[in-house]
Structure formats: C-alpha cells, structure tokens
Amino acid sequence: MFKSKQKMSVDLVRQTRDLLIYTNCNTDSRESKRGEKFATLSNFLRDLKQILYGNSEAEPVSEQAAVVVVGSDGGGGVGWRLV
C-alpha cells in the first residue's frame, strides 16, 4: 500500500510540474482551456500541501513528503525539487 502512495506522490509532482510548464508557455491558449488547466493545477497544489503539512484528519507522512520534496522514487525520479 505504501508503494502505491509513493508512486502517486511522484506522479502528482510530475503532473504539477507539467501543468506549470504548460500554463507558463501557452499564454495564447483558449481562455476556457487555460481555466481548466489552472483549476487542475490548483487541485494538485492542494494535494501537495496536504502531503507536506497534513490536514485536520491526518498528520503528514514523512516518506511521502520526502518523495515530494526530493522528487525521487528511487528509480530516477522526476528531477524536480520544491526546496
């Protein structure tokens, strides 16, 4: 079960990174498409914050937080750091 959550954390970091790049590089996109991308990006950032800081129902999981901050799954990772 932990491996699945760790994989999910890596994917979340990768998808957030990709959306940040997309929204930065595609300023000429249709407004509705950009709005969709920003809504998704907002959800991803909320999920990352929950992993790093926890919430009212759960404490942060240090192993998942390490995956998010370092951006590595032990197999090459995503090459992105929050720090």
C-alpha atoms as a PDB file:
ATOM      1  CA  MET A   1       0.000   0.000   0.000  1.00  0.00           C
ATOM      2  CA  PHE A   2       2.813   2.446   0.797  1.00  0.00           C
ATOM      3  CA  LYS A   3       4.450   1.857  -2.594  1.00  0.00           C
ATOM      4  CA  SER A   4       1.192   2.863  -4.279  1.00  0.00           C
ATOM      5  CA  LYS A   5       1.010   6.124  -2.302  1.00  0.00           C
ATOM      6  CA  GLN A   6       4.678   6.841  -3.022  1.00  0.00           C
ATOM      7  CA  LYS A   7       4.053   6.308  -6.732  1.00  0.00           C
ATOM      8  CA  MET A   8       1.037   8.576  -6.516  1.00  0.00           C
ATOM      9  CA  SER A   9       3.203  11.295  -4.915  1.00  0.00           C
ATOM     10  CA  VAL A  10       5.752  11.048  -7.713  1.00  0.00           C
ATOM     11  CA  ASP A  11       3.015  11.229 -10.339  1.00  0.00           C
ATOM     12  CA  LEU A  12       1.446  14.206  -8.597  1.00  0.00           C
ATOM     13  CA  VAL A  13       4.759  16.080  -8.633  1.00  0.00           C
ATOM     14  CA  ARG A  14       5.308  15.217 -12.295  1.00  0.00           C
ATOM     15  CA  GLN A  15       1.802  16.286 -13.335  1.00  0.00           C
ATOM     16  CA  THR A  16       2.070  19.533 -11.351  1.00  0.00           C
ATOM     17  CA  ARG A  17       5.401  20.312 -12.979  1.00  0.00           C
ATOM     18  CA  ASP A  18       3.982  19.618 -16.439  1.00  0.00           C
ATOM     19  CA  LEU A  19       0.973  21.871 -15.828  1.00  0.00           C
ATOM     20  CA  LEU A  20       3.177  24.683 -14.509  1.00  0.00           C
ATOM     21  CA  ILE A  21       5.256  24.489 -17.669  1.00  0.00           C
ATOM     22  CA  TYR A  22       2.154  24.336 -19.867  1.00  0.00           C
ATOM     23  CA  THR A  23       0.472  27.338 -18.242  1.00  0.00           C
ATOM     24  CA  ASN A  24       3.681  29.348 -18.418  1.00  0.00           C
ATOM     25  CA  CYS A  25       4.433  28.547 -22.068  1.00  0.00           C
ATOM     26  CA  ASN A  26       0.920  28.547 -23.553  1.00  0.00           C
ATOM     27  CA  THR A  27      -0.352  32.023 -22.822  1.00  0.00           C
ATOM     28  CA  ASP A  28      -2.197  32.121 -26.170  1.00  0.00           C
ATOM     29  CA  SER A  29      -4.417  29.106 -25.411  1.00  0.00           C
ATOM     30  CA  ARG A  30      -8.185  29.427 -25.335  1.00  0.00           C
ATOM     31  CA  GLU A  31      -9.305  31.004 -22.086  1.00  0.00           C
ATOM     32  CA  SER A  32     -11.568  28.055 -21.211  1.00  0.00           C
ATOM     33  CA  LYS A  33      -8.717  25.576 -21.664  1.00  0.00           C
ATOM     34  CA  ARG A  34      -6.357  27.700 -19.537  1.00  0.00           C
ATOM     35  CA  GLY A  35      -9.060  27.962 -16.870  1.00  0.00           C
ATOM     36  CA  GLU A  36      -9.389  24.177 -16.830  1.00  0.00           C
ATOM     37  CA  LYS A  37      -5.635  23.764 -16.508  1.00  0.00           C
ATOM     38  CA  PHE A  38      -5.472  26.287 -13.661  1.00  0.00           C
ATOM     39  CA  ALA A  39      -8.307  24.505 -11.822  1.00  0.00           C
ATOM     40  CA  THR A  40      -6.458  21.202 -12.128  1.00  0.00           C
ATOM     41  CA  LEU A  41      -3.212  22.859 -11.055  1.00  0.00           C
ATOM     42  CA  SER A  42      -4.971  24.300  -8.007  1.00  0.00           C
ATOM     43  CA  ASN A  43      -6.177  20.810  -7.021  1.00  0.00           C
ATOM     44  CA  PHE A  44      -2.681  19.360  -7.471  1.00  0.00           C
ATOM     45  CA  LEU A  45      -1.148  22.104  -5.323  1.00  0.00           C
ATOM     46  CA  ARG A  46      -3.761  21.481  -2.619  1.00  0.00           C
ATOM     47  CA  ASP A  47      -2.900  17.759  -2.677  1.00  0.00           C
ATOM     48  CA  LEU A  48       0.836  18.508  -2.445  1.00  0.00           C
ATOM     49  CA  LYS A  49       0.216  20.815   0.507  1.00  0.00           C
ATOM     50  CA  GLN A  50      -1.757  18.064   2.228  1.00  0.00           C
ATOM     51  CA  ILE A  51       1.108  15.611   1.700  1.00  0.00           C
ATOM     52  CA  LEU A  52       3.636  18.078   3.100  1.00  0.00           C
ATOM     53  CA  TYR A  53       1.641  19.522   6.010  1.00  0.00           C
ATOM     54  CA  GLY A  54      -1.178  17.064   6.671  1.00  0.00           C
ATOM     55  CA  ASN A  55      -4.707  18.205   7.446  1.00  0.00           C
ATOM     56  CA  SER A  56      -7.171  18.236  10.326  1.00  0.00           C
ATOM     57  CA  GLU A  57      -7.689  14.482   9.949  1.00  0.00           C
ATOM     58  CA  ALA A  58      -4.143  13.231   9.316  1.00  0.00           C
ATOM     59  CA  GLU A  59      -0.547  14.122  10.012  1.00  0.00           C
ATOM     60  CA  PRO A  60       1.915  14.405   7.121  1.00  0.00           C
ATOM     61  CA  VAL A  61       3.673  11.189   6.161  1.00  0.00           C
ATOM     62  CA  SER A  62       7.401  11.891   6.174  1.00  0.00           C
ATOM     63  CA  GLU A  63       8.185   9.284   3.493  1.00  0.00           C
ATOM     64  CA  GLN A  64       5.650  10.815   1.088  1.00  0.00           C
ATOM     65  CA  ALA A  65       6.812  14.330   1.933  1.00  0.00           C
ATOM     66  CA  ALA A  66      10.394  13.284   1.152  1.00  0.00           C
ATOM     67  CA  VAL A  67       9.268  11.966  -2.234  1.00  0.00           C
ATOM     68  CA  VAL A  68       7.532  15.259  -2.986  1.00  0.00           C
ATOM     69  CA  VAL A  69      10.406  17.490  -1.835  1.00  0.00           C
ATOM     70  CA  VAL A  70      13.215  15.490  -3.413  1.00  0.00           C
ATOM     71  CA  GLY A  71      11.128  14.381  -6.363  1.00  0.00           C
ATOM     72  CA  SER A  72      12.567  10.902  -6.414  1.00  0.00           C
ATOM     73  CA  ASP A  73      11.001   7.482  -6.364  1.00  0.00           C
ATOM     74  CA  GLY A  74      14.376   5.758  -6.128  1.00  0.00           C
ATOM     75  CA  GLY A  75      14.278   4.994  -9.829  1.00  0.00           C
ATOM     76  CA  GLY A  76      15.456   8.233 -11.301  1.00  0.00           C
ATOM     77  CA  GLY A  77      12.596  10.371 -10.023  1.00  0.00           C
ATOM     78  CA  VAL A  78      11.219  13.356 -11.837  1.00  0.00           C
ATOM     79  CA  GLY A  79      14.162  15.716 -11.462  1.00  0.00           C
ATOM     80  CA  TRP A  80      12.240  18.446  -9.675  1.00  0.00           C
ATOM     81  CA  ARG A  81      12.723  19.922  -6.217  1.00  0.00           C
ATOM     82  CA  LEU A  82      10.378  22.018  -4.122  1.00  0.00           C
ATOM     83  CA  VAL A  83      13.183  23.155  -1.835  1.00  0.00           C
END
